Amino acid sequence: MGRGKIAIERIDNTTNRQVTFSKRRGGLMKKARELAILCDADLALIVFSSTGRLYDFASSRSVS
C-alpha cells in the first residue's frame, strides 16, 4: 500500500508550513550528502527559509 498523493500548493497554516519545511529540508540535506558520497561529486546546496534564514551544505572531494 503506497502513500496517498498530496496537492502541491502553499500550506496556509504557519505551524504546519514550518514543520513541513523542516522535515523536507532535512530530507533534502540527507539526499545531497548521499549523492556527494555515492557519486564522488562536489555538491553545494543553499536553502533560504521564508524568514530569510540560510541553510547550506557543501561537499568537496578529497584530492588524491
PDB file of N, CA and C in Angstrom:
ATOM      1  N   MET A   1       0.843  -1.170   0.000  1.00  0.00           N
ATOM      2  CA  MET A   1       0.000   0.000   0.000  1.00  0.00           C
ATOM      3  C   MET A   1       0.888   1.231   0.000  1.00  0.00           C
ATOM      4  N   GLY A   2       0.715   2.082  -1.006  1.00  0.00           N
ATOM      5  CA  GLY A   2       1.542   3.275  -1.152  1.00  0.00           C
ATOM      6  C   GLY A   2       0.967   4.475  -0.420  1.00  0.00           C
ATOM      7  N   ARG A   3       1.729   5.514  -0.416  1.00  0.00           N
ATOM      8  CA  ARG A   3       1.268   6.758   0.198  1.00  0.00           C
ATOM      9  C   ARG A   3       0.323   7.474  -0.743  1.00  0.00           C
ATOM     10  N   GLY A   4      -0.594   8.221  -0.174  1.00  0.00           N
ATOM     11  CA  GLY A   4      -1.526   8.987  -0.985  1.00  0.00           C
ATOM     12  C   GLY A   4      -0.855  10.213  -1.574  1.00  0.00           C
ATOM     13  N   LYS A   5      -1.360  10.669  -2.699  1.00  0.00           N
ATOM     14  CA  LYS A   5      -0.818  11.867  -3.328  1.00  0.00           C
ATOM     15  C   LYS A   5      -1.355  13.096  -2.608  1.00  0.00           C
ATOM     16  N   ILE A   6      -0.501  14.119  -2.546  1.00  0.00           N
ATOM     17  CA  ILE A   6      -0.932  15.374  -1.958  1.00  0.00           C
ATOM     18  C   ILE A   6      -0.893  16.453  -3.031  1.00  0.00           C
ATOM     19  N   ALA A   7      -1.733  17.440  -2.866  1.00  0.00           N
ATOM     20  CA  ALA A   7      -1.730  18.578  -3.800  1.00  0.00           C
ATOM     21  C   ALA A   7      -0.543  19.463  -3.460  1.00  0.00           C
ATOM     22  N   ILE A   8       0.219  19.848  -4.474  1.00  0.00           N
ATOM     23  CA  ILE A   8       1.357  20.733  -4.269  1.00  0.00           C
ATOM     24  C   ILE A   8       0.843  22.169  -4.318  1.00  0.00           C
ATOM     25  N   GLU A   9       0.596  22.711  -3.150  1.00  0.00           N
ATOM     26  CA  GLU A   9       0.133  24.077  -3.028  1.00  0.00           C
ATOM     27  C   GLU A   9       0.602  24.618  -1.684  1.00  0.00           C
ATOM     28  N   ARG A  10       0.580  25.927  -1.550  1.00  0.00           N
ATOM     29  CA  ARG A  10       1.056  26.579  -0.336  1.00  0.00           C
ATOM     30  C   ARG A  10       0.250  26.118   0.871  1.00  0.00           C
ATOM     31  N   ILE A  11       0.940  25.832   1.972  1.00  0.00           N
ATOM     32  CA  ILE A  11       0.290  25.445   3.216  1.00  0.00           C
ATOM     33  C   ILE A  11      -0.060  26.735   3.958  1.00  0.00           C
ATOM     34  N   ASP A  12      -1.333  26.933   4.239  1.00  0.00           N
ATOM     35  CA  ASP A  12      -1.791  28.179   4.851  1.00  0.00           C
ATOM     36  C   ASP A  12      -1.443  28.284   6.336  1.00  0.00           C
ATOM     37  N   ASN A  13      -1.527  27.181   7.050  1.00  0.00           N
ATOM     38  CA  ASN A  13      -1.230  27.190   8.480  1.00  0.00           C
ATOM     39  C   ASN A  13       0.277  27.351   8.685  1.00  0.00           C
ATOM     40  N   THR A  14       0.701  28.408   9.370  1.00  0.00           N
ATOM     41  CA  THR A  14       2.134  28.702   9.510  1.00  0.00           C
ATOM     42  C   THR A  14       2.878  27.630  10.297  1.00  0.00           C
ATOM     43  N   THR A  15       2.240  27.057  11.300  1.00  0.00           N
ATOM     44  CA  THR A  15       2.898  25.998  12.082  1.00  0.00           C
ATOM     45  C   THR A  15       3.128  24.766  11.223  1.00  0.00           C
ATOM     46  N   ASN A  16       2.094  24.346  10.511  1.00  0.00           N
ATOM     47  CA  ASN A  16       2.229  23.186   9.626  1.00  0.00           C
ATOM     48  C   ASN A  16       3.255  23.442   8.524  1.00  0.00           C
ATOM     49  N   ARG A  17       3.278  24.680   8.003  1.00  0.00           N
ATOM     50  CA  ARG A  17       4.234  25.028   6.952  1.00  0.00           C
ATOM     51  C   ARG A  17       5.661  24.937   7.469  1.00  0.00           C
ATOM     52  N   GLN A  18       5.903  25.405   8.692  1.00  0.00           N
ATOM     53  CA  GLN A  18       7.247  25.359   9.271  1.00  0.00           C
ATOM     54  C   GLN A  18       7.685  23.920   9.535  1.00  0.00           C
ATOM     55  N   VAL A  19       6.778  23.101  10.037  1.00  0.00           N
ATOM     56  CA  VAL A  19       7.087  21.691  10.290  1.00  0.00           C
ATOM     57  C   VAL A  19       7.429  20.985   8.984  1.00  0.00           C
ATOM     58  N   THR A  20       6.628  21.220   7.951  1.00  0.00           N
ATOM     59  CA  THR A  20       6.875  20.609   6.640  1.00  0.00           C
ATOM     60  C   THR A  20       8.202  21.076   6.067  1.00  0.00           C
ATOM     61  N   PHE A  21       8.495  22.362   6.196  1.00  0.00           N
ATOM     62  CA  PHE A  21       9.761  22.904   5.705  1.00  0.00           C
ATOM     63  C   PHE A  21      10.941  22.224   6.393  1.00  0.00           C
ATOM     64  N   SER A  22      10.870  22.095   7.710  1.00  0.00           N
ATOM     65  CA  SER A  22      11.965  21.484   8.470  1.00  0.00           C
ATOM     66  C   SER A  22      12.189  20.026   8.061  1.00  0.00           C
ATOM     67  N   LYS A  23      11.110  19.278   7.922  1.00  0.00           N
ATOM     68  CA  LYS A  23      11.223  17.865   7.543  1.00  0.00           C
ATOM     69  C   LYS A  23      11.781  17.717   6.128  1.00  0.00           C
ATOM     70  N   ARG A  24      11.262  18.501   5.203  1.00  0.00           N
ATOM     71  CA  ARG A  24      11.725  18.399   3.815  1.00  0.00           C
ATOM     72  C   ARG A  24      13.142  18.915   3.649  1.00  0.00           C
ATOM     73  N   ARG A  25      13.509  19.940   4.417  1.00  0.00           N
ATOM     74  CA  ARG A  25      14.881  20.445   4.382  1.00  0.00           C
ATOM     75  C   ARG A  25      15.847  19.365   4.866  1.00  0.00           C
ATOM     76  N   GLY A  26      15.479  18.667   5.922  1.00  0.00           N
ATOM     77  CA  GLY A  26      16.311  17.573   6.424  1.00  0.00           C
ATOM     78  C   GLY A  26      16.480  16.463   5.403  1.00  0.00           C
ATOM     79  N   GLY A  27      15.374  16.108   4.731  1.00  0.00           N
ATOM     80  CA  GLY A  27      15.433  15.076   3.700  1.00  0.00           C
ATOM     81  C   GLY A  27      16.279  15.498   2.518  1.00  0.00           C
ATOM     82  N   LEU A  28      16.176  16.762   2.142  1.00  0.00           N
ATOM     83  CA  LEU A  28      16.958  17.286   1.024  1.00  0.00           C
ATOM     84  C   LEU A  28      18.450  17.294   1.357  1.00  0.00           C
ATOM     85  N   MET A  29      18.782  17.689   2.577  1.00  0.00           N
ATOM     86  CA  MET A  29      20.188  17.682   3.016  1.00  0.00           C
ATOM     87  C   MET A  29      20.746  16.258   3.024  1.00  0.00           C
ATOM     88  N   LYS A  30      19.938  15.317   3.485  1.00  0.00           N
ATOM     89  CA  LYS A  30      20.366  13.912   3.520  1.00  0.00           C
ATOM     90  C   LYS A  30      20.632  13.394   2.109  1.00  0.00           C
ATOM     91  N   LYS A  31      19.723  13.700   1.171  1.00  0.00           N
ATOM     92  CA  LYS A  31      19.909  13.260  -0.211  1.00  0.00           C
ATOM     93  C   LYS A  31      21.132  13.905  -0.845  1.00  0.00           C
ATOM     94  N   ALA A  32      21.386  15.163  -0.528  1.00  0.00           N
ATOM     95  CA  ALA A  32      22.568  15.845  -1.063  1.00  0.00           C
ATOM     96  C   ALA A  32      23.842  15.166  -0.554  1.00  0.00           C
ATOM     97  N   ARG A  33      23.865  14.848   0.738  1.00  0.00           N
ATOM     98  CA  ARG A  33      25.022  14.171   1.324  1.00  0.00           C
ATOM     99  C   ARG A  33      25.236  12.793   0.678  1.00  0.00           C
ATOM    100  N   GLU A  34      24.137  12.050   0.497  1.00  0.00           N
ATOM    101  CA  GLU A  34      24.227  10.728  -0.137  1.00  0.00           C
ATOM    102  C   GLU A  34      24.748  10.839  -1.564  1.00  0.00           C
ATOM    103  N   LEU A  35      24.252  11.795  -2.317  1.00  0.00           N
ATOM    104  CA  LEU A  35      24.683  11.984  -3.703  1.00  0.00           C
ATOM    105  C   LEU A  35      26.170  12.309  -3.761  1.00  0.00           C
ATOM    106  N   ALA A  36      26.625  13.161  -2.864  1.00  0.00           N
ATOM    107  CA  ALA A  36      28.038  13.532  -2.839  1.00  0.00           C
ATOM    108  C   ALA A  36      28.920  12.325  -2.540  1.00  0.00           C
ATOM    109  N   ILE A  37      28.487  11.484  -1.620  1.00  0.00           N
ATOM    110  CA  ILE A  37      29.285  10.307  -1.245  1.00  0.00           C
ATOM    111  C   ILE A  37      29.237   9.237  -2.337  1.00  0.00           C
ATOM    112  N   LEU A  38      28.035   8.899  -2.786  1.00  0.00           N
ATOM    113  CA  LEU A  38      27.877   7.808  -3.745  1.00  0.00           C
ATOM    114  C   LEU A  38      28.493   8.111  -5.104  1.00  0.00           C
ATOM    115  N   CYS A  39      28.390   9.344  -5.543  1.00  0.00           N
ATOM    116  CA  CYS A  39      28.863   9.708  -6.883  1.00  0.00           C
ATOM    117  C   CYS A  39      30.197  10.430  -6.858  1.00  0.00           C
ATOM    118  N   ASP A  40      30.787  10.585  -5.683  1.00  0.00           N
ATOM    119  CA  ASP A  40      32.066  11.258  -5.532  1.00  0.00           C
ATOM    120  C   ASP A  40      32.030  12.609  -6.245  1.00  0.00           C
ATOM    121  N   ALA A  41      30.977  13.381  -5.954  1.00  0.00           N
ATOM    122  CA  ALA A  41      30.760  14.646  -6.643  1.00  0.00           C
ATOM    123  C   ALA A  41      30.909  15.819  -5.676  1.00  0.00           C
ATOM    124  N   ASP A  42      31.352  16.947  -6.206  1.00  0.00           N
ATOM    125  CA  ASP A  42      31.322  18.186  -5.443  1.00  0.00           C
ATOM    126  C   ASP A  42      29.888  18.698  -5.500  1.00  0.00           C
ATOM    127  N   LEU A  43      29.378  19.090  -4.359  1.00  0.00           N
ATOM    128  CA  LEU A  43      27.975  19.465  -4.310  1.00  0.00           C
ATOM    129  C   LEU A  43      27.795  20.647  -3.374  1.00  0.00           C
ATOM    130  N   ALA A  44      26.930  21.578  -3.759  1.00  0.00           N
ATOM    131  CA  ALA A  44      26.568  22.698  -2.892  1.00  0.00           C
ATOM    132  C   ALA A  44      25.055  22.853  -2.920  1.00  0.00           C
ATOM    133  N   LEU A  45      24.486  23.067  -1.747  1.00  0.00           N
ATOM    134  CA  LEU A  45      23.042  23.247  -1.622  1.00  0.00           C
ATOM    135  C   LEU A  45      22.803  24.455  -0.727  1.00  0.00           C
ATOM    136  N   ILE A  46      21.991  25.382  -1.201  1.00  0.00           N
ATOM    137  CA  ILE A  46      21.648  26.573  -0.431  1.00  0.00           C
ATOM    138  C   ILE A  46      20.128  26.657  -0.356  1.00  0.00           C
ATOM    139  N   VAL A  47      19.599  26.794   0.851  1.00  0.00           N
ATOM    140  CA  VAL A  47      18.155  26.904   1.060  1.00  0.00           C
ATOM    141  C   VAL A  47      17.897  28.118   1.950  1.00  0.00           C
ATOM    142  N   PHE A  48      16.977  28.970   1.529  1.00  0.00           N
ATOM    143  CA  PHE A  48      16.544  30.100   2.343  1.00  0.00           C
ATOM    144  C   PHE A  48      15.126  29.831   2.825  1.00  0.00           C
ATOM    145  N   SER A  49      14.891  30.028   4.112  1.00  0.00           N
ATOM    146  CA  SER A  49      13.543  29.865   4.650  1.00  0.00           C
ATOM    147  C   SER A  49      12.718  31.102   4.319  1.00  0.00           C
ATOM    148  N   SER A  50      11.442  31.041   4.615  1.00  0.00           N
ATOM    149  CA  SER A  50      10.573  32.186   4.346  1.00  0.00           C
ATOM    150  C   SER A  50      10.937  33.384   5.223  1.00  0.00           C
ATOM    151  N   THR A  51      11.645  33.128   6.326  1.00  0.00           N
ATOM    152  CA  THR A  51      12.083  34.222   7.197  1.00  0.00           C
ATOM    153  C   THR A  51      13.448  34.763   6.782  1.00  0.00           C
ATOM    154  N   GLY A  52      14.056  34.154   5.756  1.00  0.00           N
ATOM    155  CA  GLY A  52      15.345  34.623   5.264  1.00  0.00           C
ATOM    156  C   GLY A  52      16.543  33.910   5.867  1.00  0.00           C
ATOM    157  N   ARG A  53      16.308  32.921   6.703  1.00  0.00           N
ATOM    158  CA  ARG A  53      17.419  32.190   7.304  1.00  0.00           C
ATOM    159  C   ARG A  53      18.067  31.282   6.258  1.00  0.00           C
ATOM    160  N   LEU A  54      19.387  31.199   6.313  1.00  0.00           N
ATOM    161  CA  LEU A  54      20.159  30.427   5.345  1.00  0.00           C
ATOM    162  C   LEU A  54      20.515  29.055   5.906  1.00  0.00           C
ATOM    163  N   TYR A  55      20.316  28.028   5.099  1.00  0.00           N
ATOM    164  CA  TYR A  55      20.749  26.662   5.420  1.00  0.00           C
ATOM    165  C   TYR A  55      21.606  26.215   4.246  1.00  0.00           C
ATOM    166  N   ASP A  56      22.782  25.662   4.538  1.00  0.00           N
ATOM    167  CA  ASP A  56      23.650  25.280   3.431  1.00  0.00           C
ATOM    168  C   ASP A  56      24.333  23.952   3.698  1.00  0.00           C
ATOM    169  N   PHE A  57      24.752  23.346   2.597  1.00  0.00           N
ATOM    170  CA  PHE A  57      25.518  22.100   2.629  1.00  0.00           C
ATOM    171  C   PHE A  57      26.513  22.188   1.494  1.00  0.00           C
ATOM    172  N   ALA A  58      27.745  21.806   1.774  1.00  0.00           N
ATOM    173  CA  ALA A  58      28.772  21.775   0.728  1.00  0.00           C
ATOM    174  C   ALA A  58      29.665  20.577   0.961  1.00  0.00           C
ATOM    175  N   SER A  59      30.024  19.922  -0.108  1.00  0.00           N
ATOM    176  CA  SER A  59      30.961  18.808  -0.027  1.00  0.00           C
ATOM    177  C   SER A  59      32.095  19.066  -0.998  1.00  0.00           C
ATOM    178  N   SER A  60      33.208  18.488  -0.711  1.00  0.00           N
ATOM    179  CA  SER A  60      34.319  18.566  -1.654  1.00  0.00           C
ATOM    180  C   SER A  60      35.033  17.233  -1.656  1.00  0.00           C
ATOM    181  N   ARG A  61      35.451  16.819  -2.827  1.00  0.00           N
ATOM    182  CA  ARG A  61      36.143  15.544  -2.968  1.00  0.00           C
ATOM    183  C   ARG A  61      37.562  15.690  -2.448  1.00  0.00           C
ATOM    184  N   SER A  62      38.059  14.602  -1.887  1.00  0.00           N
ATOM    185  CA  SER A  62      39.455  14.585  -1.445  1.00  0.00           C
ATOM    186  C   SER A  62      40.345  14.425  -2.664  1.00  0.00           C
ATOM    187  N   VAL A  63      41.382  15.223  -2.738  1.00  0.00           N
ATOM    188  CA  VAL A  63      42.324  15.141  -3.851  1.00  0.00           C
ATOM    189  C   VAL A  63      43.369  14.099  -3.472  1.00  0.00           C
ATOM    190  N   SER A  64      43.501  13.065  -4.324  1.00  0.00           N
ATOM    191  CA  SER A  64      44.496  12.039  -4.015  1.00  0.00           C
ATOM    192  C   SER A  64      45.475  11.848  -5.142  1.00  0.00           C
TER     193      SER A  64
END
